[in-house]
Amino acid sequence: MPLSPIVKALKDEMERRGLNAVELSKLADVGQATIYEIMRGEANPTIETVEKLAKALKMKVTAA
């Protein structure tokens, strides 16, 4: 299953910042398992989770 544009953007920013899922989990206060599932395309994040991850990565979330 291909990654959604949101997940791809989050994953790209994680890589750009040199963060792994464990580090992002701590910064965003989101469970490690949740992050792994989202990044593998096995789970769809809630808007609240996207907002937490984006804030931890210093990204903006806007509606298209």
Protein backbone atom coordinates (compact mmCIF):
# COMPACT_ATOMS: atom_id res chain seq x y z
CA MET A 1 0.00 0.00 0.00
CA PRO A 2 1.54 3.37 -0.99
CA LEU A 3 2.01 5.97 1.72
CA SER A 4 -0.38 8.89 1.89
CA PRO A 5 1.08 12.30 1.04
CA ILE A 6 0.82 13.29 4.71
CA VAL A 7 2.74 10.25 5.93
CA LYS A 8 5.32 10.67 3.17
CA ALA A 9 5.86 14.31 4.20
CA LEU A 10 6.24 13.32 7.87
CA LYS A 11 8.63 10.49 7.00
CA ASP A 12 10.70 12.75 4.72
CA GLU A 13 10.98 15.37 7.48
CA MET A 14 12.00 12.71 10.02
CA GLU A 15 14.79 11.62 7.69
CA ARG A 16 15.82 15.22 6.98
CA ARG A 17 16.13 15.87 10.71
CA GLY A 18 17.85 12.55 11.39
CA LEU A 19 15.13 11.35 13.76
CA ASN A 20 14.03 7.77 14.24
CA ALA A 21 10.63 6.59 15.44
CA VAL A 22 11.75 6.28 19.05
CA GLU A 23 12.98 9.88 19.14
CA LEU A 24 9.88 11.19 17.38
CA SER A 25 7.71 9.22 19.79
CA LYS A 26 9.23 11.07 22.72
CA LEU A 27 9.05 14.49 21.05
CA ALA A 28 5.44 14.06 19.94
CA ASP A 29 4.10 12.06 22.89
CA VAL A 30 2.83 9.39 20.48
CA GLY A 31 3.40 5.68 21.05
CA GLN A 32 6.29 4.06 19.21
CA ALA A 33 4.07 1.27 17.89
CA THR A 34 1.65 3.87 16.50
CA ILE A 35 4.46 5.66 14.68
CA TYR A 36 5.81 2.40 13.24
CA GLU A 37 2.35 1.40 12.00
CA ILE A 38 1.74 4.81 10.42
CA MET A 39 5.13 4.88 8.72
CA ARG A 40 4.59 1.40 7.27
CA GLY A 41 1.15 2.37 5.99
CA GLU A 42 -0.56 -0.10 8.31
CA ALA A 43 -2.57 2.52 10.21
CA ASN A 44 -4.23 5.81 9.35
CA PRO A 45 -3.33 8.54 11.84
CA THR A 46 -6.02 10.66 13.41
CA ILE A 47 -5.83 14.40 12.83
CA GLU A 48 -4.73 14.77 16.46
CA THR A 49 -1.82 12.40 15.88
CA VAL A 50 -0.85 14.18 12.65
CA GLU A 51 -0.90 17.49 14.52
CA LYS A 52 1.32 16.11 17.31
CA LEU A 53 3.81 14.66 14.84
CA ALA A 54 3.84 17.82 12.73
CA LYS A 55 4.37 20.01 15.79
CA ALA A 56 7.26 17.83 16.96
CA LEU A 57 8.81 18.13 13.49
CA LYS A 58 8.08 21.89 13.35
CA MET A 59 5.80 21.44 10.35
CA LYS A 60 2.49 23.20 9.61
CA VAL A 61 -0.71 21.29 8.99
CA THR A 62 -3.12 22.96 6.59
CA ALA A 63 -6.22 21.81 4.76
CA ALA A 64 -5.88 21.54 1.01
